[in-house]
Amino acid sequence: ADPSAIIKQPVDIVEGMTSEIATKMATQMGYVGGQIQDAATLISNLYKVFMECDCTMLEINPLATLKDGRVLVCDSKVGFDDNAEFRQ
């Protein structure tokens, strides 16, 4: 439980999550080689879910790397905006 290991990345609401930002985050998280692209894709998809589902919070803990190199979410905590229910 090292709070300094948390990566914070501002995202422009108009521009959204770019592949450059997602790749930067994956690299900061310590992924290398092909795992960088896998992790960046996962990060981009999590942002997409956050925006499209009117989330107020999307917490991933832990994000894991399997022995075969795949990167996946093991557990998450998600909050939704009740006022946006009409869009869902």
N, C-alpha and C. Protein backbone atom coordinates (compact mmCIF):
# COMPACT_ATOMS: atom_id res chain seq x y z
N ALA A 1 0.84 -1.19 0.00
CA ALA A 1 0.00 0.00 0.00
C ALA A 1 0.88 1.24 0.00
N ASP A 2 1.38 1.56 -1.18
CA ASP A 2 2.26 2.72 -1.34
C ASP A 2 1.52 3.82 -2.07
N PRO A 3 1.08 4.86 -1.36
CA PRO A 3 0.32 5.94 -2.01
C PRO A 3 1.07 6.63 -3.13
N SER A 4 2.39 6.61 -3.11
CA SER A 4 3.16 7.25 -4.18
C SER A 4 3.08 6.45 -5.48
N ALA A 5 2.58 5.22 -5.40
CA ALA A 5 2.46 4.39 -6.60
C ALA A 5 1.21 4.74 -7.42
N ILE A 6 0.33 5.57 -6.86
CA ILE A 6 -0.88 5.98 -7.57
C ILE A 6 -0.51 6.98 -8.65
N ILE A 7 -0.96 6.69 -9.86
CA ILE A 7 -0.67 7.56 -11.00
C ILE A 7 -1.89 8.43 -11.25
N LYS A 8 -1.70 9.72 -11.25
CA LYS A 8 -2.78 10.68 -11.52
C LYS A 8 -2.50 11.34 -12.86
N GLN A 9 -3.49 11.34 -13.73
CA GLN A 9 -3.32 11.90 -15.06
C GLN A 9 -4.54 12.73 -15.42
N PRO A 10 -4.38 14.05 -15.49
CA PRO A 10 -5.50 14.89 -15.95
C PRO A 10 -5.83 14.54 -17.41
N VAL A 11 -7.12 14.54 -17.72
CA VAL A 11 -7.57 14.26 -19.08
C VAL A 11 -8.49 15.39 -19.52
N ASP A 12 -8.17 15.99 -20.65
CA ASP A 12 -8.99 17.06 -21.21
C ASP A 12 -10.36 16.48 -21.57
N ILE A 13 -11.42 17.06 -21.06
CA ILE A 13 -12.77 16.53 -21.26
C ILE A 13 -13.18 16.57 -22.73
N VAL A 14 -12.67 17.50 -23.50
CA VAL A 14 -13.00 17.59 -24.92
C VAL A 14 -12.17 16.60 -25.73
N GLU A 15 -10.89 16.53 -25.43
CA GLU A 15 -9.97 15.65 -26.16
C GLU A 15 -10.15 14.19 -25.76
N GLY A 16 -10.44 13.95 -24.50
CA GLY A 16 -10.62 12.59 -24.01
C GLY A 16 -9.29 11.87 -23.79
N MET A 17 -9.39 10.58 -23.59
CA MET A 17 -8.21 9.75 -23.37
C MET A 17 -7.57 9.43 -24.72
N THR A 18 -6.42 10.00 -24.96
CA THR A 18 -5.70 9.75 -26.21
C THR A 18 -4.82 8.52 -26.05
N SER A 19 -4.41 7.95 -27.16
CA SER A 19 -3.51 6.80 -27.10
C SER A 19 -2.17 7.21 -26.49
N GLU A 20 -1.77 8.47 -26.70
CA GLU A 20 -0.51 8.95 -26.13
C GLU A 20 -0.58 8.98 -24.61
N ILE A 21 -1.69 9.48 -24.07
CA ILE A 21 -1.85 9.55 -22.61
C ILE A 21 -1.91 8.14 -22.04
N ALA A 22 -2.69 7.26 -22.67
CA ALA A 22 -2.82 5.90 -22.18
C ALA A 22 -1.47 5.17 -22.21
N THR A 23 -0.70 5.38 -23.26
CA THR A 23 0.63 4.76 -23.37
C THR A 23 1.56 5.30 -22.30
N LYS A 24 1.50 6.60 -22.06
CA LYS A 24 2.32 7.22 -21.02
C LYS A 24 1.98 6.62 -19.65
N MET A 25 0.71 6.46 -19.38
CA MET A 25 0.29 5.89 -18.10
C MET A 25 0.77 4.44 -17.97
N ALA A 26 0.63 3.66 -19.04
CA ALA A 26 1.06 2.26 -19.01
C ALA A 26 2.56 2.17 -18.74
N THR A 27 3.31 3.06 -19.35
CA THR A 27 4.76 3.09 -19.14
C THR A 27 5.09 3.47 -17.70
N GLN A 28 4.38 4.47 -17.17
CA GLN A 28 4.59 4.89 -15.77
C GLN A 28 4.26 3.75 -14.80
N MET A 29 3.35 2.89 -15.21
CA MET A 29 2.96 1.77 -14.35
C MET A 29 3.97 0.63 -14.41
N GLY A 30 4.97 0.75 -15.29
CA GLY A 30 6.04 -0.23 -15.34
C GLY A 30 5.88 -1.31 -16.39
N TYR A 31 4.89 -1.18 -17.26
CA TYR A 31 4.73 -2.17 -18.32
C TYR A 31 5.81 -1.97 -19.38
N VAL A 32 6.21 -3.07 -20.00
CA VAL A 32 7.26 -3.03 -21.02
C VAL A 32 6.82 -3.85 -22.23
N GLY A 33 7.47 -3.60 -23.34
CA GLY A 33 7.22 -4.37 -24.56
C GLY A 33 5.76 -4.33 -24.98
N GLY A 34 5.24 -5.50 -25.36
CA GLY A 34 3.86 -5.60 -25.82
C GLY A 34 2.83 -5.32 -24.74
N GLN A 35 3.25 -5.44 -23.49
CA GLN A 35 2.33 -5.15 -22.38
C GLN A 35 1.93 -3.68 -22.36
N ILE A 36 2.79 -2.81 -22.86
CA ILE A 36 2.46 -1.38 -22.88
C ILE A 36 1.20 -1.16 -23.69
N GLN A 37 1.13 -1.75 -24.88
CA GLN A 37 -0.05 -1.57 -25.73
C GLN A 37 -1.29 -2.21 -25.10
N ASP A 38 -1.12 -3.39 -24.50
CA ASP A 38 -2.25 -4.05 -23.84
C ASP A 38 -2.79 -3.20 -22.69
N ALA A 39 -1.89 -2.69 -21.87
CA ALA A 39 -2.30 -1.86 -20.74
C ALA A 39 -2.91 -0.54 -21.23
N ALA A 40 -2.34 0.05 -22.27
CA ALA A 40 -2.87 1.31 -22.82
C ALA A 40 -4.27 1.10 -23.37
N THR A 41 -4.51 -0.03 -24.02
CA THR A 41 -5.84 -0.34 -24.53
C THR A 41 -6.83 -0.50 -23.38
N LEU A 42 -6.40 -1.18 -22.34
CA LEU A 42 -7.24 -1.36 -21.15
C LEU A 42 -7.58 -0.01 -20.52
N ILE A 43 -6.59 0.86 -20.40
CA ILE A 43 -6.80 2.20 -19.82
C ILE A 43 -7.78 2.99 -20.67
N SER A 44 -7.62 2.95 -21.97
CA SER A 44 -8.54 3.65 -22.88
C SER A 44 -9.96 3.11 -22.75
N ASN A 45 -10.09 1.80 -22.65
CA ASN A 45 -11.41 1.19 -22.52
C ASN A 45 -12.06 1.53 -21.18
N LEU A 46 -11.28 1.60 -20.13
CA LEU A 46 -11.82 2.00 -18.83
C LEU A 46 -12.34 3.44 -18.87
N TYR A 47 -11.61 4.31 -19.55
CA TYR A 47 -12.06 5.69 -19.70
C TYR A 47 -13.36 5.74 -20.49
N LYS A 48 -13.44 4.94 -21.54
CA LYS A 48 -14.65 4.88 -22.37
C LYS A 48 -15.86 4.44 -21.53
N VAL A 49 -15.69 3.41 -20.73
CA VAL A 49 -16.76 2.95 -19.84
C VAL A 49 -17.15 4.05 -18.87
N PHE A 50 -16.15 4.71 -18.29
CA PHE A 50 -16.41 5.78 -17.33
C PHE A 50 -17.30 6.86 -17.96
N MET A 51 -16.97 7.27 -19.15
CA MET A 51 -17.71 8.35 -19.81
C MET A 51 -19.08 7.88 -20.31
N GLU A 52 -19.13 6.75 -20.98
CA GLU A 52 -20.37 6.30 -21.60
C GLU A 52 -21.41 5.80 -20.60
N CYS A 53 -20.97 5.38 -19.44
CA CYS A 53 -21.91 4.86 -18.44
C CYS A 53 -22.19 5.86 -17.32
N ASP A 54 -21.77 7.11 -17.51
CA ASP A 54 -22.02 8.16 -16.52
C ASP A 54 -21.51 7.79 -15.14
N CYS A 55 -20.27 7.29 -15.09
CA CYS A 55 -19.67 6.93 -13.81
C CYS A 55 -19.27 8.18 -13.03
N THR A 56 -19.34 8.07 -11.75
CA THR A 56 -18.81 9.12 -10.87
C THR A 56 -17.46 8.68 -10.31
N MET A 57 -17.23 7.35 -10.35
CA MET A 57 -15.98 6.80 -9.86
C MET A 57 -15.75 5.45 -10.54
N LEU A 58 -14.50 5.18 -10.88
CA LEU A 58 -14.11 3.87 -11.40
C LEU A 58 -12.73 3.58 -10.81
N GLU A 59 -12.71 2.72 -9.81
CA GLU A 59 -11.47 2.40 -9.11
C GLU A 59 -11.07 0.96 -9.43
N ILE A 60 -9.85 0.77 -9.85
CA ILE A 60 -9.33 -0.56 -10.17
C ILE A 60 -8.28 -0.92 -9.14
N ASN A 61 -8.48 -2.06 -8.49
CA ASN A 61 -7.50 -2.51 -7.52
C ASN A 61 -7.73 -3.99 -7.25
N PRO A 62 -6.89 -4.85 -7.73
CA PRO A 62 -5.66 -4.59 -8.46
C PRO A 62 -5.81 -4.74 -9.98
N LEU A 63 -4.87 -4.19 -10.66
CA LEU A 63 -4.65 -4.41 -12.08
C LEU A 63 -3.51 -5.42 -12.13
N ALA A 64 -3.73 -6.55 -12.79
CA ALA A 64 -2.76 -7.65 -12.69
C ALA A 64 -2.15 -7.99 -14.05
N THR A 65 -0.97 -8.56 -13.97
CA THR A 65 -0.30 -9.12 -15.13
C THR A 65 -0.20 -10.62 -14.92
N LEU A 66 -0.77 -11.39 -15.84
CA LEU A 66 -0.74 -12.84 -15.73
C LEU A 66 0.61 -13.38 -16.20
N LYS A 67 0.89 -14.63 -15.90
CA LYS A 67 2.16 -15.25 -16.30
C LYS A 67 2.37 -15.21 -17.81
N ASP A 68 1.26 -15.26 -18.56
CA ASP A 68 1.39 -15.23 -20.03
C ASP A 68 1.51 -13.81 -20.58
N GLY A 69 1.54 -12.81 -19.67
CA GLY A 69 1.76 -11.43 -20.08
C GLY A 69 0.50 -10.59 -20.23
N ARG A 70 -0.68 -11.22 -20.19
CA ARG A 70 -1.92 -10.45 -20.32
C ARG A 70 -2.12 -9.53 -19.12
N VAL A 71 -2.71 -8.37 -19.40
CA VAL A 71 -3.00 -7.37 -18.38
C VAL A 71 -4.51 -7.32 -18.20
N LEU A 72 -4.97 -7.46 -16.94
CA LEU A 72 -6.41 -7.44 -16.73
C LEU A 72 -6.79 -6.87 -15.37
N VAL A 73 -8.06 -6.50 -15.28
CA VAL A 73 -8.62 -5.97 -14.04
C VAL A 73 -9.08 -7.15 -13.20
N CYS A 74 -8.66 -7.20 -11.94
CA CYS A 74 -9.08 -8.28 -11.05
C CYS A 74 -10.30 -7.87 -10.22
N ASP A 75 -10.37 -6.61 -9.84
CA ASP A 75 -11.48 -6.13 -9.03
C ASP A 75 -11.67 -4.65 -9.31
N SER A 76 -12.89 -4.19 -9.15
CA SER A 76 -13.15 -2.77 -9.37
C SER A 76 -14.28 -2.30 -8.47
N LYS A 77 -14.33 -1.01 -8.30
CA LYS A 77 -15.40 -0.35 -7.56
C LYS A 77 -15.92 0.73 -8.49
N VAL A 78 -17.22 0.72 -8.76
CA VAL A 78 -17.80 1.64 -9.73
C VAL A 78 -18.98 2.35 -9.10
N GLY A 79 -19.04 3.66 -9.31
CA GLY A 79 -20.18 4.46 -8.89
C GLY A 79 -20.81 5.11 -10.10
N PHE A 80 -22.14 5.21 -10.09
CA PHE A 80 -22.86 5.79 -11.23
C PHE A 80 -23.63 7.02 -10.80
N ASP A 81 -23.79 7.95 -11.74
CA ASP A 81 -24.54 9.18 -11.51
C ASP A 81 -26.03 8.86 -11.62
N ASP A 82 -26.73 8.85 -10.50
CA ASP A 82 -28.16 8.55 -10.50
C ASP A 82 -28.96 9.54 -11.34
N ASN A 83 -28.49 10.76 -11.45
CA ASN A 83 -29.20 11.78 -12.22
C ASN A 83 -29.09 11.55 -13.71
N ALA A 84 -28.23 10.66 -14.15
CA ALA A 84 -28.04 10.39 -15.57
C ALA A 84 -28.73 9.09 -15.99
N GLU A 85 -29.55 8.56 -15.13
CA GLU A 85 -30.21 7.27 -15.40
C GLU A 85 -31.02 7.31 -16.70
N PHE A 86 -31.59 8.45 -17.04
CA PHE A 86 -32.41 8.57 -18.24
C PHE A 86 -31.61 8.32 -19.52
N ARG A 87 -30.27 8.47 -19.46
CA ARG A 87 -29.44 8.25 -20.66
C ARG A 87 -29.07 6.79 -20.85
N GLN A 88 -29.25 6.00 -19.83
CA GLN A 88 -28.78 4.61 -19.88
C GLN A 88 -29.82 3.65 -20.39
